[in-house]
Amino acid sequence: MATAEVLSAIAGYLVITSDDPREAESAMRWMLGGFGGTTWGLVPIPGAAVLLGTVTLLGVSRPLNLLPAGRRRPPPWG
């Protein structure tokens, strides 16, 4: 967590000290996750990744089921 905050601070500093305001604005939009520059033509790429991930997780969901892991009662930790 601390590493992410330090890297975020470094990135913010680099954006603020940039000489080109357009590049700084572009970098801030990218870091904030805006959809301003996207088009519908780009949707199939992440759509295929989501579909592949969903199919993969559904295929291994039975082995990942932790409910029938045993009959031992879990500790009452909250």
PDB file of N, CA and C in Angstrom:
ATOM      1  N   MET A   1       0.820  -1.184   0.000  1.00  0.00           N
ATOM      2  CA  MET A   1       0.000   0.000   0.000  1.00  0.00           C
ATOM      3  C   MET A   1       0.870   1.256   0.000  1.00  0.00           C
ATOM      4  N   ALA A   2       1.904   1.239   0.802  1.00  0.00           N
ATOM      5  CA  ALA A   2       2.778   2.410   0.863  1.00  0.00           C
ATOM      6  C   ALA A   2       3.503   2.619  -0.459  1.00  0.00           C
ATOM      7  N   THR A   3       3.877   1.528  -1.112  1.00  0.00           N
ATOM      8  CA  THR A   3       4.556   1.637  -2.404  1.00  0.00           C
ATOM      9  C   THR A   3       3.654   2.305  -3.430  1.00  0.00           C
ATOM     10  N   ALA A   4       2.383   1.938  -3.436  1.00  0.00           N
ATOM     11  CA  ALA A   4       1.433   2.542  -4.375  1.00  0.00           C
ATOM     12  C   ALA A   4       1.296   4.036  -4.120  1.00  0.00           C
ATOM     13  N   GLU A   5       1.278   4.446  -2.864  1.00  0.00           N
ATOM     14  CA  GLU A   5       1.147   5.861  -2.544  1.00  0.00           C
ATOM     15  C   GLU A   5       2.395   6.644  -2.959  1.00  0.00           C
ATOM     16  N   VAL A   6       3.557   6.055  -2.742  1.00  0.00           N
ATOM     17  CA  VAL A   6       4.803   6.729  -3.135  1.00  0.00           C
ATOM     18  C   VAL A   6       4.870   6.874  -4.655  1.00  0.00           C
ATOM     19  N   LEU A   7       4.542   5.807  -5.378  1.00  0.00           N
ATOM     20  CA  LEU A   7       4.557   5.876  -6.835  1.00  0.00           C
ATOM     21  C   LEU A   7       3.512   6.848  -7.360  1.00  0.00           C
ATOM     22  N   SER A   8       2.375   6.922  -6.702  1.00  0.00           N
ATOM     23  CA  SER A   8       1.346   7.883  -7.100  1.00  0.00           C
ATOM     24  C   SER A   8       1.829   9.315  -6.871  1.00  0.00           C
ATOM     25  N   ALA A   9       2.526   9.532  -5.775  1.00  0.00           N
ATOM     26  CA  ALA A   9       3.062  10.869  -5.509  1.00  0.00           C
ATOM     27  C   ALA A   9       4.117  11.248  -6.538  1.00  0.00           C
ATOM     28  N   ILE A  10       4.956  10.297  -6.923  1.00  0.00           N
ATOM     29  CA  ILE A  10       5.975  10.568  -7.939  1.00  0.00           C
ATOM     30  C   ILE A  10       5.317  10.897  -9.275  1.00  0.00           C
ATOM     31  N   ALA A  11       4.303  10.126  -9.644  1.00  0.00           N
ATOM     32  CA  ALA A  11       3.601  10.382 -10.901  1.00  0.00           C
ATOM     33  C   ALA A  11       2.924  11.749 -10.871  1.00  0.00           C
ATOM     34  N   GLY A  12       2.309  12.091  -9.764  1.00  0.00           N
ATOM     35  CA  GLY A  12       1.675  13.401  -9.637  1.00  0.00           C
ATOM     36  C   GLY A  12       2.682  14.533  -9.743  1.00  0.00           C
ATOM     37  N   TYR A  13       3.835  14.358  -9.130  1.00  0.00           N
ATOM     38  CA  TYR A  13       4.888  15.371  -9.220  1.00  0.00           C
ATOM     39  C   TYR A  13       5.365  15.551 -10.656  1.00  0.00           C
ATOM     40  N   LEU A  14       5.560  14.434 -11.355  1.00  0.00           N
ATOM     41  CA  LEU A  14       6.009  14.515 -12.740  1.00  0.00           C
ATOM     42  C   LEU A  14       4.974  15.203 -13.626  1.00  0.00           C
ATOM     43  N   VAL A  15       3.694  14.968 -13.352  1.00  0.00           N
ATOM     44  CA  VAL A  15       2.636  15.620 -14.136  1.00  0.00           C
ATOM     45  C   VAL A  15       2.617  17.117 -13.850  1.00  0.00           C
ATOM     46  N   ILE A  16       2.740  17.478 -12.580  1.00  0.00           N
ATOM     47  CA  ILE A  16       2.691  18.896 -12.207  1.00  0.00           C
ATOM     48  C   ILE A  16       3.879  19.665 -12.766  1.00  0.00           C
ATOM     49  N   THR A  17       5.048  19.047 -12.793  1.00  0.00           N
ATOM     50  CA  THR A  17       6.247  19.742 -13.264  1.00  0.00           C
ATOM     51  C   THR A  17       6.452  19.618 -14.773  1.00  0.00           C
ATOM     52  N   SER A  18       5.480  19.074 -15.472  1.00  0.00           N
ATOM     53  CA  SER A  18       5.596  18.919 -16.924  1.00  0.00           C
ATOM     54  C   SER A  18       5.597  20.283 -17.604  1.00  0.00           C
ATOM     55  N   ASP A  19       6.376  20.391 -18.676  1.00  0.00           N
ATOM     56  CA  ASP A  19       6.444  21.648 -19.433  1.00  0.00           C
ATOM     57  C   ASP A  19       5.276  21.820 -20.396  1.00  0.00           C
ATOM     58  N   ASP A  20       4.696  20.705 -20.841  1.00  0.00           N
ATOM     59  CA  ASP A  20       3.613  20.755 -21.820  1.00  0.00           C
ATOM     60  C   ASP A  20       2.277  20.526 -21.115  1.00  0.00           C
ATOM     61  N   PRO A  21       1.409  21.534 -21.065  1.00  0.00           N
ATOM     62  CA  PRO A  21       0.127  21.366 -20.359  1.00  0.00           C
ATOM     63  C   PRO A  21      -0.779  20.321 -21.008  1.00  0.00           C
ATOM     64  N   ARG A  22      -0.687  20.138 -22.307  1.00  0.00           N
ATOM     65  CA  ARG A  22      -1.527  19.127 -22.969  1.00  0.00           C
ATOM     66  C   ARG A  22      -1.109  17.725 -22.554  1.00  0.00           C
ATOM     67  N   GLU A  23       0.195  17.496 -22.469  1.00  0.00           N
ATOM     68  CA  GLU A  23       0.678  16.192 -22.029  1.00  0.00           C
ATOM     69  C   GLU A  23       0.283  15.933 -20.574  1.00  0.00           C
ATOM     70  N   ALA A  24       0.346  16.960 -19.732  1.00  0.00           N
ATOM     71  CA  ALA A  24      -0.038  16.810 -18.339  1.00  0.00           C
ATOM     72  C   ALA A  24      -1.522  16.479 -18.226  1.00  0.00           C
ATOM     73  N   GLU A  25      -2.346  17.171 -19.016  1.00  0.00           N
ATOM     74  CA  GLU A  25      -3.783  16.888 -18.995  1.00  0.00           C
ATOM     75  C   GLU A  25      -4.071  15.478 -19.485  1.00  0.00           C
ATOM     76  N   SER A  26      -3.376  15.065 -20.525  1.00  0.00           N
ATOM     77  CA  SER A  26      -3.555  13.712 -21.060  1.00  0.00           C
ATOM     78  C   SER A  26      -3.151  12.662 -20.028  1.00  0.00           C
ATOM     79  N   ALA A  27      -2.047  12.900 -19.340  1.00  0.00           N
ATOM     80  CA  ALA A  27      -1.591  11.957 -18.315  1.00  0.00           C
ATOM     81  C   ALA A  27      -2.581  11.890 -17.158  1.00  0.00           C
ATOM     82  N   MET A  28      -3.118  13.028 -16.742  1.00  0.00           N
ATOM     83  CA  MET A  28      -4.098  13.028 -15.639  1.00  0.00           C
ATOM     84  C   MET A  28      -5.370  12.290 -16.038  1.00  0.00           C
ATOM     85  N   ARG A  29      -5.836  12.497 -17.252  1.00  0.00           N
ATOM     86  CA  ARG A  29      -7.034  11.774 -17.706  1.00  0.00           C
ATOM     87  C   ARG A  29      -6.779  10.273 -17.738  1.00  0.00           C
ATOM     88  N   TRP A  30      -5.581   9.876 -18.179  1.00  0.00           N
ATOM     89  CA  TRP A  30      -5.243   8.459 -18.237  1.00  0.00           C
ATOM     90  C   TRP A  30      -5.177   7.867 -16.833  1.00  0.00           C
ATOM     91  N   MET A  31      -4.573   8.591 -15.886  1.00  0.00           N
ATOM     92  CA  MET A  31      -4.434   8.082 -14.516  1.00  0.00           C
ATOM     93  C   MET A  31      -5.779   8.018 -13.798  1.00  0.00           C
ATOM     94  N   LEU A  32      -6.688   8.912 -14.149  1.00  0.00           N
ATOM     95  CA  LEU A  32      -8.000   8.915 -13.506  1.00  0.00           C
ATOM     96  C   LEU A  32      -8.963   7.927 -14.152  1.00  0.00           C
ATOM     97  N   GLY A  33      -8.589   7.350 -15.274  1.00  0.00           N
ATOM     98  CA  GLY A  33      -9.405   6.314 -15.892  1.00  0.00           C
ATOM     99  C   GLY A  33     -10.570   6.829 -16.698  1.00  0.00           C
ATOM    100  N   GLY A  34     -10.437   7.946 -17.333  1.00  0.00           N
ATOM    101  CA  GLY A  34     -11.519   8.493 -18.133  1.00  0.00           C
ATOM    102  C   GLY A  34     -11.710   7.735 -19.438  1.00  0.00           C
ATOM    103  N   PHE A  35     -12.921   7.784 -19.958  1.00  0.00           N
ATOM    104  CA  PHE A  35     -13.247   7.129 -21.225  1.00  0.00           C
ATOM    105  C   PHE A  35     -13.330   8.126 -22.377  1.00  0.00           C
ATOM    106  N   GLY A  36     -12.748   9.299 -22.212  1.00  0.00           N
ATOM    107  CA  GLY A  36     -12.873  10.357 -23.206  1.00  0.00           C
ATOM    108  C   GLY A  36     -12.334  10.004 -24.578  1.00  0.00           C
ATOM    109  N   GLY A  37     -11.226   9.284 -24.648  1.00  0.00           N
ATOM    110  CA  GLY A  37     -10.621   9.004 -25.944  1.00  0.00           C
ATOM    111  C   GLY A  37     -10.963   7.637 -26.504  1.00  0.00           C
ATOM    112  N   THR A  38     -11.913   6.958 -25.922  1.00  0.00           N
ATOM    113  CA  THR A  38     -12.239   5.609 -26.387  1.00  0.00           C
ATOM    114  C   THR A  38     -13.364   5.638 -27.403  1.00  0.00           C
ATOM    115  N   THR A  39     -13.431   4.577 -28.194  1.00  0.00           N
ATOM    116  CA  THR A  39     -14.497   4.424 -29.175  1.00  0.00           C
ATOM    117  C   THR A  39     -15.070   3.021 -29.054  1.00  0.00           C
ATOM    118  N   TRP A  40     -16.205   2.775 -29.705  1.00  0.00           N
ATOM    119  CA  TRP A  40     -16.822   1.452 -29.662  1.00  0.00           C
ATOM    120  C   TRP A  40     -15.960   0.412 -30.374  1.00  0.00           C
ATOM    121  N   GLY A  41     -15.055   0.847 -31.210  1.00  0.00           N
ATOM    122  CA  GLY A  41     -14.166  -0.085 -31.889  1.00  0.00           C
ATOM    123  C   GLY A  41     -13.180  -0.767 -30.954  1.00  0.00           C
ATOM    124  N   LEU A  42     -12.958  -0.170 -29.782  1.00  0.00           N
ATOM    125  CA  LEU A  42     -12.039  -0.754 -28.806  1.00  0.00           C
ATOM    126  C   LEU A  42     -12.720  -1.728 -27.847  1.00  0.00           C
ATOM    127  N   VAL A  43     -14.021  -1.810 -27.855  1.00  0.00           N
ATOM    128  CA  VAL A  43     -14.757  -2.661 -26.913  1.00  0.00           C
ATOM    129  C   VAL A  43     -14.470  -4.155 -27.087  1.00  0.00           C
ATOM    130  N   PRO A  44     -14.295  -4.681 -28.291  1.00  0.00           N
ATOM    131  CA  PRO A  44     -14.060  -6.125 -28.412  1.00  0.00           C
ATOM    132  C   PRO A  44     -12.806  -6.624 -27.693  1.00  0.00           C
ATOM    133  N   ILE A  45     -11.798  -5.807 -27.551  1.00  0.00           N
ATOM    134  CA  ILE A  45     -10.554  -6.246 -26.909  1.00  0.00           C
ATOM    135  C   ILE A  45     -10.783  -6.563 -25.432  1.00  0.00           C
ATOM    136  N   PRO A  46     -11.259  -5.618 -24.602  1.00  0.00           N
ATOM    137  CA  PRO A  46     -11.509  -5.996 -23.208  1.00  0.00           C
ATOM    138  C   PRO A  46     -12.702  -6.935 -23.074  1.00  0.00           C
ATOM    139  N   GLY A  47     -13.642  -6.868 -24.012  1.00  0.00           N
ATOM    140  CA  GLY A  47     -14.783  -7.796 -23.965  1.00  0.00           C
ATOM    141  C   GLY A  47     -14.346  -9.235 -24.110  1.00  0.00           C
ATOM    142  N   ALA A  48     -13.387  -9.476 -25.005  1.00  0.00           N
ATOM    143  CA  ALA A  48     -12.866 -10.835 -25.178  1.00  0.00           C
ATOM    144  C   ALA A  48     -12.125 -11.288 -23.924  1.00  0.00           C
ATOM    145  N   ALA A  49     -11.386 -10.379 -23.290  1.00  0.00           N
ATOM    146  CA  ALA A  49     -10.671 -10.739 -22.065  1.00  0.00           C
ATOM    147  C   ALA A  49     -11.640 -11.072 -20.935  1.00  0.00           C
ATOM    148  N   VAL A  50     -12.717 -10.297 -20.810  1.00  0.00           N
ATOM    149  CA  VAL A  50     -13.717 -10.569 -19.773  1.00  0.00           C
ATOM    150  C   VAL A  50     -14.418 -11.894 -20.046  1.00  0.00           C
ATOM    151  N   LEU A  51     -14.768 -12.141 -21.295  1.00  0.00           N
ATOM    152  CA  LEU A  51     -15.429 -13.400 -21.650  1.00  0.00           C
ATOM    153  C   LEU A  51     -14.516 -14.592 -21.371  1.00  0.00           C
ATOM    154  N   LEU A  52     -13.249 -14.492 -21.755  1.00  0.00           N
ATOM    155  CA  LEU A  52     -12.298 -15.572 -21.504  1.00  0.00           C
ATOM    156  C   LEU A  52     -12.110 -15.813 -20.007  1.00  0.00           C
ATOM    157  N   GLY A  53     -12.002 -14.740 -19.233  1.00  0.00           N
ATOM    158  CA  GLY A  53     -11.860 -14.869 -17.781  1.00  0.00           C
ATOM    159  C   GLY A  53     -13.088 -15.488 -17.144  1.00  0.00           C
ATOM    160  N   THR A  54     -14.270 -15.096 -17.602  1.00  0.00           N
ATOM    161  CA  THR A  54     -15.509 -15.659 -17.058  1.00  0.00           C
ATOM    162  C   THR A  54     -15.609 -17.141 -17.352  1.00  0.00           C
ATOM    163  N   VAL A  55     -15.318 -17.526 -18.581  1.00  0.00           N
ATOM    164  CA  VAL A  55     -15.368 -18.946 -18.944  1.00  0.00           C
ATOM    165  C   VAL A  55     -14.342 -19.737 -18.141  1.00  0.00           C
ATOM    166  N   THR A  56     -13.150 -19.197 -17.979  1.00  0.00           N
ATOM    167  CA  THR A  56     -12.117 -19.883 -17.206  1.00  0.00           C
ATOM    168  C   THR A  56     -12.533 -20.054 -15.749  1.00  0.00           C
ATOM    169  N   LEU A  57     -13.050 -19.002 -15.144  1.00  0.00           N
ATOM    170  CA  LEU A  57     -13.467 -19.093 -13.741  1.00  0.00           C
ATOM    171  C   LEU A  57     -14.647 -20.033 -13.559  1.00  0.00           C
ATOM    172  N   LEU A  58     -15.561 -20.045 -14.509  1.00  0.00           N
ATOM    173  CA  LEU A  58     -16.673 -20.992 -14.412  1.00  0.00           C
ATOM    174  C   LEU A  58     -16.184 -22.429 -14.563  1.00  0.00           C
ATOM    175  N   GLY A  59     -15.140 -22.617 -15.355  1.00  0.00           N
ATOM    176  CA  GLY A  59     -14.589 -23.958 -15.541  1.00  0.00           C
ATOM    177  C   GLY A  59     -13.894 -24.495 -14.306  1.00  0.00           C
ATOM    178  N   VAL A  60     -13.289 -23.626 -13.518  1.00  0.00           N
ATOM    179  CA  VAL A  60     -12.578 -24.077 -12.322  1.00  0.00           C
ATOM    180  C   VAL A  60     -13.334 -23.754 -11.039  1.00  0.00           C
ATOM    181  N   SER A  61     -14.565 -23.338 -11.150  1.00  0.00           N
ATOM    182  CA  SER A  61     -15.318 -22.943  -9.961  1.00  0.00           C
ATOM    183  C   SER A  61     -15.571 -24.109  -9.007  1.00  0.00           C
ATOM    184  N   ARG A  62     -15.764 -25.288  -9.540  1.00  0.00           N
ATOM    185  CA  ARG A  62     -15.998 -26.454  -8.672  1.00  0.00           C
ATOM    186  C   ARG A  62     -14.776 -26.738  -7.795  1.00  0.00           C
ATOM    187  N   PRO A  63     -13.550 -26.794  -8.354  1.00  0.00           N
ATOM    188  CA  PRO A  63     -12.394 -27.017  -7.480  1.00  0.00           C
ATOM    189  C   PRO A  63     -12.113 -25.856  -6.521  1.00  0.00           C
ATOM    190  N   LEU A  64     -12.585 -24.663  -6.838  1.00  0.00           N
ATOM    191  CA  LEU A  64     -12.339 -23.514  -5.972  1.00  0.00           C
ATOM    192  C   LEU A  64     -13.374 -23.358  -4.859  1.00  0.00           C
ATOM    193  N   ASN A  65     -14.374 -24.204  -4.826  1.00  0.00           N
ATOM    194  CA  ASN A  65     -15.422 -24.099  -3.819  1.00  0.00           C
ATOM    195  C   ASN A  65     -14.860 -24.479  -2.456  1.00  0.00           C
ATOM    196  N   LEU A  66     -14.851 -23.540  -1.526  1.00  0.00           N
ATOM    197  CA  LEU A  66     -14.281 -23.789  -0.208  1.00  0.00           C
ATOM    198  C   LEU A  66     -15.311 -24.213   0.834  1.00  0.00           C
ATOM    199  N   LEU A  67     -16.578 -24.152   0.504  1.00  0.00           N
ATOM    200  CA  LEU A  67     -17.589 -24.530   1.488  1.00  0.00           C
ATOM    201  C   LEU A  67     -17.491 -25.999   1.903  1.00  0.00           C
ATOM    202  N   PRO A  68     -17.322 -26.942   0.984  1.00  0.00           N
ATOM    203  CA  PRO A  68     -17.223 -28.331   1.427  1.00  0.00           C
ATOM    204  C   PRO A  68     -15.792 -28.727   1.804  1.00  0.00           C
ATOM    205  N   ALA A  69     -14.983 -27.804   2.310  1.00  0.00           N
ATOM    206  CA  ALA A  69     -13.582 -28.086   2.613  1.00  0.00           C
ATOM    207  C   ALA A  69     -13.422 -29.028   3.796  1.00  0.00           C
ATOM    208  N   GLY A  70     -14.423 -29.165   4.594  1.00  0.00           N
ATOM    209  CA  GLY A  70     -14.325 -30.061   5.746  1.00  0.00           C
ATOM    210  C   GLY A  70     -15.477 -29.842   6.699  1.00  0.00           C
ATOM    211  N   ARG A  71     -15.594 -30.738   7.631  1.00  0.00           N
ATOM    212  CA  ARG A  71     -16.691 -30.643   8.597  1.00  0.00           C
ATOM    213  C   ARG A  71     -16.258 -29.941   9.877  1.00  0.00           C
ATOM    214  N   ARG A  72     -15.008 -29.558   9.944  1.00  0.00           N
ATOM    215  CA  ARG A  72     -14.524 -28.886  11.142  1.00  0.00           C
ATOM    216  C   ARG A  72     -15.180 -27.526  11.294  1.00  0.00           C
ATOM    217  N   ARG A  73     -15.573 -27.202  12.472  1.00  0.00           N
ATOM    218  CA  ARG A  73     -16.237 -25.921  12.724  1.00  0.00           C
ATOM    219  C   ARG A  73     -15.187 -24.807  12.729  1.00  0.00           C
ATOM    220  N   PRO A  74     -15.463 -23.702  12.016  1.00  0.00           N
ATOM    221  CA  PRO A  74     -14.495 -22.607  11.982  1.00  0.00           C
ATOM    222  C   PRO A  74     -14.433 -21.894  13.333  1.00  0.00           C
ATOM    223  N   PRO A  75     -13.305 -21.288  13.643  1.00  0.00           N
ATOM    224  CA  PRO A  75     -13.198 -20.576  14.915  1.00  0.00           C
ATOM    225  C   PRO A  75     -14.066 -19.324  14.908  1.00  0.00           C
ATOM    226  N   PRO A  76     -14.620 -18.960  16.062  1.00  0.00           N
ATOM    227  CA  PRO A  76     -15.516 -17.783  16.129  1.00  0.00           C
ATOM    228  C   PRO A  76     -14.722 -16.486  16.246  1.00  0.00           C
ATOM    229  N   TRP A  77     -14.058 -16.083  15.148  1.00  0.00           N
ATOM    230  CA  TRP A  77     -13.240 -14.867  15.175  1.00  0.00           C
ATOM    231  C   TRP A  77     -13.964 -13.652  14.623  1.00  0.00           C
ATOM    232  N   GLY A  78     -15.212 -13.730  14.451  1.00  0.00           N
ATOM    233  CA  GLY A  78     -15.925 -12.555  13.992  1.00  0.00           C
ATOM    234  C   GLY A  78     -16.669 -12.818  12.776  1.00  0.00           C
TER     235      GLY A  78
END
